[in-house]
C-alpha atoms as a PDB file:
ATOM      1  CA  MET A   1      -8.853   9.641  23.008  1.00  0.00           C
ATOM      2  CA  LYS A   2      -6.125  10.514  25.794  1.00  0.00           C
ATOM      3  CA  GLU A   3      -4.808   6.932  25.132  1.00  0.00           C
ATOM      4  CA  LEU A   4      -4.641   7.532  21.125  1.00  0.00           C
ATOM      5  CA  CYS A   5      -2.331  10.297  22.214  1.00  0.00           C
ATOM      6  CA  TYR A   6       0.514   8.518  24.491  1.00  0.00           C
ATOM      7  CA  VAL A   7       3.196   9.845  22.118  1.00  0.00           C
ATOM      8  CA  SER A   8       4.761  13.527  23.530  1.00  0.00           C
ATOM      9  CA  ASN A   9       5.404  14.342  19.692  1.00  0.00           C
ATOM     10  CA  LYS A  10       3.306  13.912  16.240  1.00  0.00           C
ATOM     11  CA  GLU A  11       6.360  12.541  14.880  1.00  0.00           C
ATOM     12  CA  PRO A  12       5.331   8.829  14.533  1.00  0.00           C
ATOM     13  CA  PHE A  13       1.727   9.530  13.144  1.00  0.00           C
ATOM     14  CA  GLU A  14       3.320  11.852  10.635  1.00  0.00           C
ATOM     15  CA  TYR A  15       5.740   9.188   9.443  1.00  0.00           C
ATOM     16  CA  THR A  16       2.759   7.002   9.035  1.00  0.00           C
ATOM     17  CA  LEU A  17       0.717   9.419   7.143  1.00  0.00           C
ATOM     18  CA  SER A  18       3.726   9.961   5.071  1.00  0.00           C
ATOM     19  CA  ILE A  19       3.832   6.351   3.998  1.00  0.00           C
ATOM     20  CA  ILE A  20       0.133   5.796   3.365  1.00  0.00           C
ATOM     21  CA  SER A  21      -1.296   9.199   2.478  1.00  0.00           C
ATOM     22  CA  GLY A  22      -2.457   9.974  -0.982  1.00  0.00           C
ATOM     23  CA  LYS A  23      -5.529   8.538  -3.123  1.00  0.00           C
ATOM     24  CA  TRP A  24      -3.528   5.279  -4.276  1.00  0.00           C
ATOM     25  CA  LYS A  25      -1.067   4.072  -2.012  1.00  0.00           C
ATOM     26  CA  LEU A  26      -3.624   2.166   0.534  1.00  0.00           C
ATOM     27  CA  LYS A  27      -5.738   0.762  -2.418  1.00  0.00           C
ATOM     28  CA  ILE A  28      -2.319  -0.692  -3.406  1.00  0.00           C
ATOM     29  CA  ILE A  29      -1.600  -1.848  -0.030  1.00  0.00           C
ATOM     30  CA  TYR A  30      -5.305  -3.184   0.250  1.00  0.00           C
ATOM     31  CA  LEU A  31      -5.080  -5.223  -3.443  1.00  0.00           C
ATOM     32  CA  LEU A  32      -1.626  -6.608  -2.154  1.00  0.00           C
ATOM     33  CA  ALA A  33      -2.795  -7.718   1.297  1.00  0.00           C
ATOM     34  CA  CYS A  34      -6.175  -9.489  -0.470  1.00  0.00           C
ATOM     35  CA  SER A  35      -4.264 -10.933  -3.372  1.00  0.00           C
ATOM     36  CA  GLY A  36      -0.515 -11.762  -2.282  1.00  0.00           C
ATOM     37  CA  THR A  37       1.767 -11.461  -5.271  1.00  0.00           C
ATOM     38  CA  VAL A  38       0.217  -9.289  -8.222  1.00  0.00           C
ATOM     39  CA  ARG A  39       1.437  -8.163 -11.598  1.00  0.00           C
ATOM     40  CA  TYR A  40       1.602  -4.874 -12.709  1.00  0.00           C
ATOM     41  CA  GLY A  41      -1.042  -5.202 -15.312  1.00  0.00           C
ATOM     42  CA  VAL A  42      -3.263  -6.938 -12.686  1.00  0.00           C
ATOM     43  CA  ILE A  43      -3.015  -3.850 -10.650  1.00  0.00           C
ATOM     44  CA  ARG A  44      -3.291  -1.191 -12.953  1.00  0.00           C
ATOM     45  CA  LYS A  45      -6.672  -2.976 -13.915  1.00  0.00           C
ATOM     46  CA  SER A  46      -7.807  -3.454 -10.312  1.00  0.00           C
ATOM     47  CA  ILE A  47      -7.448   0.352  -9.739  1.00  0.00           C
ATOM     48  CA  ASP A  48      -9.892   2.448 -11.092  1.00  0.00           C
ATOM     49  CA  GLY A  49      -8.820   5.804 -12.531  1.00  0.00           C
ATOM     50  CA  ILE A  50      -5.203   5.291 -11.995  1.00  0.00           C
ATOM     51  CA  THR A  51      -2.749   6.236 -14.902  1.00  0.00           C
ATOM     52  CA  HIS A  52       0.264   4.355 -16.014  1.00  0.00           C
ATOM     53  CA  LYS A  53       2.422   7.397 -14.793  1.00  0.00           C
ATOM     54  CA  MET A  54       0.818   7.309 -11.053  1.00  0.00           C
ATOM     55  CA  LEU A  55       0.913   3.932 -10.467  1.00  0.00           C
ATOM     56  CA  SER A  56       4.456   3.859 -11.315  1.00  0.00           C
ATOM     57  CA  SER A  57       5.485   6.837  -9.396  1.00  0.00           C
ATOM     58  CA  GLN A  58       3.246   5.378  -6.506  1.00  0.00           C
ATOM     59  CA  LEU A  59       4.730   1.742  -6.574  1.00  0.00           C
ATOM     60  CA  LYS A  60       8.130   3.573  -6.661  1.00  0.00           C
ATOM     61  CA  GLU A  61       7.519   5.474  -3.530  1.00  0.00           C
ATOM     62  CA  LEU A  62       6.150   2.356  -1.722  1.00  0.00           C
ATOM     63  CA  GLU A  63       9.270   0.556  -2.665  1.00  0.00           C
ATOM     64  CA  GLY A  64      11.403   2.884  -1.468  1.00  0.00           C
ATOM     65  CA  GLU A  65       9.835   2.924   2.045  1.00  0.00           C
ATOM     66  CA  ASN A  66      10.093  -0.950   1.903  1.00  0.00           C
ATOM     67  CA  ILE A  67       6.666  -1.455   1.761  1.00  0.00           C
ATOM     68  CA  ILE A  68       6.386  -3.395  -1.150  1.00  0.00           C
ATOM     69  CA  LEU A  69       8.737  -5.818  -3.157  1.00  0.00           C
ATOM     70  CA  ARG A  70       9.306  -5.449  -6.870  1.00  0.00           C
ATOM     71  CA  LYS A  71      10.658  -8.649  -8.411  1.00  0.00           C
ATOM     72  CA  GLU A  72      11.400  -8.456 -12.032  1.00  0.00           C
ATOM     73  CA  TYR A  73      11.873 -11.457 -14.346  1.00  0.00           C
ATOM     74  CA  PRO A  74      14.424 -11.502 -16.922  1.00  0.00           C
ATOM     75  CA  GLN A  75      12.027 -12.578 -19.816  1.00  0.00           C
ATOM     76  CA  ILE A  76      10.398 -11.277 -22.915  1.00  0.00           C
ATOM     77  CA  PRO A  77       7.873  -9.520 -22.505  1.00  0.00           C
ATOM     78  CA  PRO A  78       8.685  -8.299 -19.035  1.00  0.00           C
ATOM     79  CA  LYS A  79       7.294  -9.782 -16.139  1.00  0.00           C
ATOM     80  CA  VAL A  80       6.918  -7.855 -13.037  1.00  0.00           C
ATOM     81  CA  GLU A  81       5.642  -9.057  -9.463  1.00  0.00           C
ATOM     82  CA  TYR A  82       4.737  -6.941  -6.615  1.00  0.00           C
ATOM     83  CA  SER A  83       3.890  -7.960  -2.846  1.00  0.00           C
ATOM     84  CA  LEU A  84       4.174  -6.807   0.541  1.00  0.00           C
ATOM     85  CA  THR A  85       7.026  -6.869   2.658  1.00  0.00           C
ATOM     86  CA  GLU A  86       7.119  -7.699   6.169  1.00  0.00           C
ATOM     87  CA  LYS A  87       7.084  -4.220   6.676  1.00  0.00           C
ATOM     88  CA  GLY A  88       4.183  -3.730   4.394  1.00  0.00           C
ATOM     89  CA  GLU A  89       2.458  -6.768   6.162  1.00  0.00           C
ATOM     90  CA  SER A  90       2.488  -4.858   9.269  1.00  0.00           C
ATOM     91  CA  LEU A  91      -0.030  -2.628   7.910  1.00  0.00           C
ATOM     92  CA  ILE A  92      -2.529  -5.272   7.245  1.00  0.00           C
ATOM     93  CA  GLN A  93      -3.984  -4.627  10.502  1.00  0.00           C
ATOM     94  CA  LEU A  94      -4.542  -1.033  10.192  1.00  0.00           C
ATOM     95  CA  VAL A  95      -6.202  -1.891   6.359  1.00  0.00           C
ATOM     96  CA  LYS A  96      -8.554  -4.402   8.475  1.00  0.00           C
ATOM     97  CA  ASP A  97      -9.079  -1.748  10.939  1.00  0.00           C
ATOM     98  CA  MET A  98     -10.183   0.993   8.522  1.00  0.00           C
ATOM     99  CA  CYS A  99     -12.820  -1.790   6.462  1.00  0.00           C
ATOM    100  CA  GLU A 100     -14.290  -2.733  10.026  1.00  0.00           C
ATOM    101  CA  TRP A 101     -14.572   1.055  10.607  1.00  0.00           C
ATOM    102  CA  GLY A 102     -16.268   1.391   7.075  1.00  0.00           C
ATOM    103  CA  VAL A 103     -18.609  -1.579   8.008  1.00  0.00           C
ATOM    104  CA  LYS A 104     -19.729  -0.259  10.777  1.00  0.00           C
ATOM    105  CA  ASN A 105     -20.551   3.485   9.601  1.00  0.00           C
ATOM    106  CA  ILE A 106     -21.209   3.018   5.849  1.00  0.00           C
END
């Protein structure tokens, strides 16, 4: 455990938590990590229980933190796609580690 606590302050840990905390953000990151570029409707259908308002809010927060990229196409009906940025892709190992932990401890 000591090697985990190599940082003299909690700031990096708190920052990471602020990015991935909550019920939905990791689910969105996981979906994009597994699926690549995904349209809004697919995200909504893939995450049980999330409301339109909550999904929109979480996507905006992740976009604001440069974790996801939102690409809007100028057409009718509107088409919007989401994907992970390079910064977002750097979270994939964390997600993999969480999945491995779940497999071992389920």
